[in-house]
C-alpha cells in the first residue's frame, strides 16, 4: 500500500522520535530486560513528516474505503518500535477502551516499516472478537496506572488458551509498506522481538468515520493541551480532527 519513498521517509521520522522523543515518548522495556520498546503519540502535531503521512499519504483514502465512508477525519498517530532481542510484549487488549470516544467507525492502519512476522513481534488478532460485546480494561505495555479503570473487566491472557483451540488466532507476515487495518474492538497482542538482528518498526494511524463522538470516561488518552468536549459531541474541530479524505486544496 505504501511505496519505498513513504517507507524510507517514515523510518527516518521514527528514528528521529527515538532519538528525541519529547514529552509523549514512552519506554516499555523494564530494568534488566534486553532490547528497547519505544512508543510515542501525536507526532503529527510537531513533525512535518508525520503530518504529511497523516493527511497526504494514501492512508486517509484507504480508511474511507474500508469504513465505507465518503469522508474521514484523522484521529492520531502512534509509534511501536521494538529493537532486536526486545523482551517487552504488547498485552492482549482492545483499542477503544483507551480512547474518550464512542462509535465503531474507527480504522487503525498498522503500517510495517520493516519485515514483520511472529518472530519479530508481529501482531496477533482473535478472529471475531470485535463482536463479543466486551469492553476490556485498557493496559499499556509499560503498565501506566493512568489507564487503569477498575470498573472494567481485565482482558484475559488469550495466549495461554492457545492450546485449547477455543479461539482462532490470525497473524500476517508483512513486508515494508504492507498494512493491516483493524476494528477498534478487535482483541490483539504481540510478543517480544525474538530476532537478534531485525528491528520491528511500525506506525499506527487512526481515522474516523461518521457517528463517532466524544465519550468522557476516566482512564483514557489525554489529548494535547488537555483538549476535551462535552460527552456526545461530534468530532468536527479541524485543529484536532482534520479532514484526511477527501483532501482539501
Protein backbone atom coordinates (compact mmCIF):
# COMPACT_ATOMS: atom_id res chain seq x y z
CA UNK A 1 0.00 0.00 0.00
CA UNK A 2 2.92 2.37 0.62
CA UNK A 3 5.88 2.78 -1.68
CA UNK A 4 9.58 2.90 -0.87
CA UNK A 5 9.58 6.70 -0.55
CA UNK A 6 6.96 6.61 2.21
CA UNK A 7 8.69 3.70 3.95
CA UNK A 8 12.07 5.42 3.95
CA UNK A 9 10.59 8.78 4.94
CA UNK A 10 8.66 7.37 7.90
CA UNK A 11 11.53 5.14 9.01
CA UNK A 12 13.70 8.25 9.28
CA UNK A 13 10.90 10.06 11.12
CA UNK A 14 10.60 7.26 13.68
CA UNK A 15 14.36 7.24 14.20
CA UNK A 16 14.17 10.98 14.97
CA UNK A 17 11.46 10.30 17.53
CA UNK A 18 13.53 7.58 19.15
CA UNK A 19 16.46 9.99 19.47
CA UNK A 20 14.36 12.95 20.67
CA UNK A 21 11.03 11.58 21.91
CA UNK A 22 9.72 14.69 23.64
CA UNK A 23 7.20 14.62 26.50
CA UNK A 24 4.89 11.98 24.98
CA UNK A 25 7.57 9.36 24.32
CA UNK A 26 7.41 6.19 26.39
CA UNK A 27 9.71 3.24 27.02
CA UNK A 28 8.16 -0.13 27.89
CA UNK A 29 11.39 -2.06 28.46
CA UNK A 30 11.80 -2.74 32.16
CA UNK A 31 15.13 -2.69 34.05
CA UNK A 32 17.01 -5.90 33.44
CA UNK A 33 15.18 -6.70 30.19
CA UNK A 34 17.02 -6.78 26.89
CA UNK A 35 16.24 -4.62 23.87
CA UNK A 36 14.16 -1.46 23.64
CA UNK A 37 10.41 -0.96 23.18
CA UNK A 38 9.75 2.67 22.24
CA UNK A 39 6.34 4.27 21.80
CA UNK A 40 5.16 7.79 21.02
CA UNK A 41 1.89 9.52 20.11
CA UNK A 42 0.62 12.68 18.39
CA UNK A 43 3.82 13.10 16.38
CA UNK A 44 1.80 14.72 13.56
CA UNK A 45 1.33 17.78 15.75
CA UNK A 46 5.04 18.63 15.84
CA UNK A 47 6.76 16.75 12.98
CA UNK A 48 6.08 17.67 9.34
CA UNK A 49 6.77 14.15 8.01
CA UNK A 50 4.25 12.54 10.35
CA UNK A 51 1.74 15.26 9.48
CA UNK A 52 2.27 14.63 5.76
CA UNK A 53 1.72 10.91 6.26
CA UNK A 54 -1.47 11.51 8.24
CA UNK A 55 -3.04 13.90 5.74
CA UNK A 56 -1.30 13.39 2.38
CA UNK A 57 -0.49 9.67 2.15
CA UNK A 58 -2.93 7.01 0.81
CA UNK A 59 -3.96 6.21 4.42
CA UNK A 60 -6.95 8.55 4.62
CA UNK A 61 -8.47 7.22 1.41
CA UNK A 62 -7.77 3.61 2.43
CA UNK A 63 -9.61 4.21 5.71
CA UNK A 64 -12.56 5.70 3.81
CA UNK A 65 -12.75 2.62 1.59
CA UNK A 66 -12.59 0.18 4.50
CA UNK A 67 -15.17 2.13 6.53
CA UNK A 68 -17.45 2.70 3.54
CA UNK A 69 -17.28 6.45 4.10
CA UNK A 70 -17.03 9.43 1.75
CA UNK A 71 -15.05 11.38 4.36
CA UNK A 72 -12.56 10.51 7.09
CA UNK A 73 -11.01 12.61 9.81
CA UNK A 74 -7.61 11.98 11.28
CA UNK A 75 -7.54 10.90 14.92
CA UNK A 76 -3.90 10.38 15.95
CA UNK A 77 -0.69 8.51 15.19
CA UNK A 78 1.43 6.17 17.28
CA UNK A 79 4.88 4.57 17.03
CA UNK A 80 5.61 0.97 18.05
CA UNK A 81 9.34 0.25 17.75
CA UNK A 82 10.98 -2.90 19.11
CA UNK A 83 14.71 -3.33 18.67
CA UNK A 84 16.23 -6.82 18.26
CA UNK A 85 16.03 -9.08 21.31
CA UNK A 86 13.37 -6.94 22.97
CA UNK A 87 11.61 -8.96 25.65
CA UNK A 88 8.76 -6.49 26.33
CA UNK A 89 5.40 -7.59 24.97
CA UNK A 90 2.20 -5.83 23.98
CA UNK A 91 -0.52 -7.33 26.19
CA UNK A 92 -3.87 -8.58 24.89
CA UNK A 93 -6.18 -5.59 24.56
CA UNK A 94 -8.76 -3.68 22.55
CA UNK A 95 -8.11 -0.12 21.36
CA UNK A 96 -11.39 1.65 22.07
CA UNK A 97 -11.16 1.46 25.90
CA UNK A 98 -8.07 3.70 25.71
CA UNK A 99 -9.91 6.50 23.93
CA UNK A 100 -12.50 9.06 25.10
CA UNK A 101 -14.60 8.22 22.04
CA UNK A 102 -17.74 6.22 21.29
CA UNK A 103 -18.52 4.54 17.98
CA UNK A 104 -17.16 1.77 15.78
CA UNK A 105 -16.35 3.73 12.60
CA UNK A 106 -12.67 3.91 13.53
CA UNK A 107 -9.97 2.32 11.38
CA UNK A 108 -6.48 1.64 12.69
CA UNK A 109 -3.97 1.38 9.85
CA UNK A 110 -0.90 -0.51 11.09
CA UNK A 111 1.99 0.09 8.70
CA UNK A 112 5.02 -2.21 8.72
CA UNK A 113 8.27 -0.37 8.01
CA UNK A 114 10.42 -3.48 8.47
CA UNK A 115 9.76 -7.18 7.77
CA UNK A 116 7.26 -8.45 10.33
CA UNK A 117 6.32 -11.96 11.45
CA UNK A 118 5.59 -13.62 14.77
CA UNK A 119 9.31 -13.95 15.48
CA UNK A 120 9.78 -10.18 15.13
CA UNK A 121 6.72 -9.23 17.23
CA UNK A 122 4.01 -9.45 14.62
CA UNK A 123 0.51 -8.64 15.84
CA UNK A 124 -1.94 -11.49 16.52
CA UNK A 125 -5.68 -10.91 16.30
CA UNK A 126 -8.51 -13.07 17.66
CA UNK A 127 -11.00 -13.58 14.85
CA UNK A 128 -14.49 -12.27 15.56
CA UNK A 129 -13.61 -10.79 18.97
CA UNK A 130 -14.93 -7.36 17.94
CA UNK A 131 -18.41 -8.91 18.05
CA UNK A 132 -18.17 -10.28 21.59
CA UNK A 133 -19.82 -7.25 23.20
CA UNK A 134 -16.80 -6.95 25.50
CA UNK A 135 -15.11 -3.74 26.68
CA UNK A 136 -11.92 -4.77 28.46
CA UNK A 137 -9.80 -2.65 30.79
CA UNK A 138 -7.00 -0.84 28.97
CA UNK A 139 -3.46 -1.98 29.76
CA UNK A 140 -0.42 -0.26 28.27
CA UNK A 141 2.84 -2.13 27.58
CA UNK A 142 4.53 -0.04 30.30
CA UNK A 143 1.60 -0.66 32.71
CA UNK A 144 0.76 3.03 33.06
CA UNK A 145 -1.64 3.33 36.04
CA UNK A 146 -3.41 6.27 34.34
CA UNK A 147 -5.28 3.78 32.13
CA UNK A 148 -6.41 1.50 34.96
CA UNK A 149 -10.20 1.66 35.08
CA UNK A 150 -11.13 -0.73 37.86
CA UNK A 151 -14.77 -0.78 36.72
CA UNK A 152 -13.85 -2.69 33.56
CA UNK A 153 -13.11 -6.40 33.18
CA UNK A 154 -9.45 -7.39 32.81
CA UNK A 155 -8.61 -8.70 29.36
CA UNK A 156 -7.63 -12.38 29.70
CA UNK A 157 -4.26 -13.70 28.56
CA UNK A 158 -5.59 -15.38 25.45
CA UNK A 159 -2.13 -16.65 24.55
CA UNK A 160 -2.39 -19.06 27.47
CA UNK A 161 -5.54 -20.50 25.87
CA UNK A 162 -3.90 -21.21 22.53
CA UNK A 163 -3.70 -24.97 23.06
CA UNK A 164 -7.43 -25.28 23.79
CA UNK A 165 -8.46 -24.35 20.25
CA UNK A 166 -11.30 -22.16 21.57
CA UNK A 167 -10.11 -19.11 19.65
CA UNK A 168 -8.84 -18.59 16.12
CA UNK A 169 -5.59 -16.61 16.09
CA UNK A 170 -4.73 -14.65 12.96
CA UNK A 171 -1.40 -13.04 12.08
CA UNK A 172 0.30 -11.85 8.91
CA UNK A 173 3.81 -11.93 7.51
CA UNK A 174 4.40 -8.40 6.29
CA UNK A 175 6.99 -6.61 4.20
CA UNK A 176 7.83 -2.89 4.44
CA UNK A 177 4.88 -0.92 3.05
CA UNK A 178 2.27 -3.59 3.92
CA UNK A 179 -0.61 -2.69 6.23
CA UNK A 180 -3.30 -4.30 8.30
CA UNK A 181 -6.50 -2.42 9.12
CA UNK A 182 -8.41 -3.33 12.24
CA UNK A 183 -11.60 -2.61 14.18
CA UNK A 184 -11.36 -0.66 17.49
CA UNK A 185 -12.76 -3.61 19.49
CA UNK A 186 -10.73 -6.46 17.97
CA UNK A 187 -8.64 -8.21 20.66
CA UNK A 188 -4.97 -8.27 19.69
CA UNK A 189 -1.44 -8.51 21.10
CA UNK A 190 2.18 -9.03 20.11
CA UNK A 191 5.10 -10.78 21.74
CA UNK A 192 8.68 -9.66 22.10
CA UNK A 193 11.06 -9.29 19.18
CA UNK A 194 12.96 -12.58 19.25
CA UNK A 195 15.23 -11.74 16.33
CA UNK A 196 18.86 -10.96 17.12
CA UNK A 197 19.27 -8.78 14.03
CA UNK A 198 15.89 -7.47 12.75
CA UNK A 199 14.26 -4.47 14.41
CA UNK A 200 10.47 -4.06 14.19
CA UNK A 201 9.23 -0.61 13.28
CA UNK A 202 5.51 0.09 12.90
CA UNK A 203 3.41 3.23 12.56
CA UNK A 204 -0.27 3.21 13.52
CA UNK A 205 -2.60 5.90 12.22
CA UNK A 206 -6.25 6.12 13.22
CA UNK A 207 -9.09 7.56 11.12
CA UNK A 208 -12.69 8.38 12.00
CA UNK A 209 -15.90 7.95 10.03
CA UNK A 210 -19.40 9.24 10.75
CA UNK A 211 -21.11 8.63 14.07
CA UNK A 212 -18.00 8.68 16.28
CA UNK A 213 -18.48 11.11 19.18
CA UNK A 214 -16.67 12.23 22.32
CA UNK A 215 -17.23 9.95 25.31
CA UNK A 216 -15.92 11.43 28.55
CA UNK A 217 -14.65 8.49 30.63
CA UNK A 218 -11.95 8.09 33.26
CA UNK A 219 -8.60 6.47 32.46
CA UNK A 220 -8.44 7.39 28.77
CA UNK A 221 -5.97 9.08 26.43
CA UNK A 222 -5.11 12.68 27.36
CA UNK A 223 -5.16 14.93 24.30
CA UNK A 224 -2.58 17.70 23.75
CA UNK A 225 -3.43 20.94 25.55
CA UNK A 226 -5.94 18.99 27.68
CA UNK A 227 -8.48 19.15 24.85
CA UNK A 228 -11.97 18.00 25.89
CA UNK A 229 -15.53 18.10 24.60
CA UNK A 230 -18.94 17.53 26.16
CA UNK A 231 -19.99 13.86 26.07
CA UNK A 232 -21.76 13.05 22.82
CA UNK A 233 -20.23 15.99 20.94
CA UNK A 234 -19.25 15.39 17.29
CA UNK A 235 -15.55 15.42 16.42
CA UNK A 236 -15.50 18.33 14.00
CA UNK A 237 -12.76 20.59 15.39
CA UNK A 238 -10.40 20.91 12.41
CA UNK A 239 -7.39 21.70 14.60
CA UNK A 240 -7.77 18.38 16.46
CA UNK A 241 -9.56 16.12 13.97
CA UNK A 242 -8.62 17.40 10.49
CA UNK A 243 -10.29 16.02 7.37
CA UNK A 244 -7.95 13.48 5.79
CA UNK A 245 -10.14 12.39 2.89
CA UNK A 246 -11.12 13.83 0.53
CA UNK A 247 -8.05 16.03 0.77
CA UNK A 248 -8.62 19.76 0.86
CA UNK A 249 -6.89 22.07 -1.60
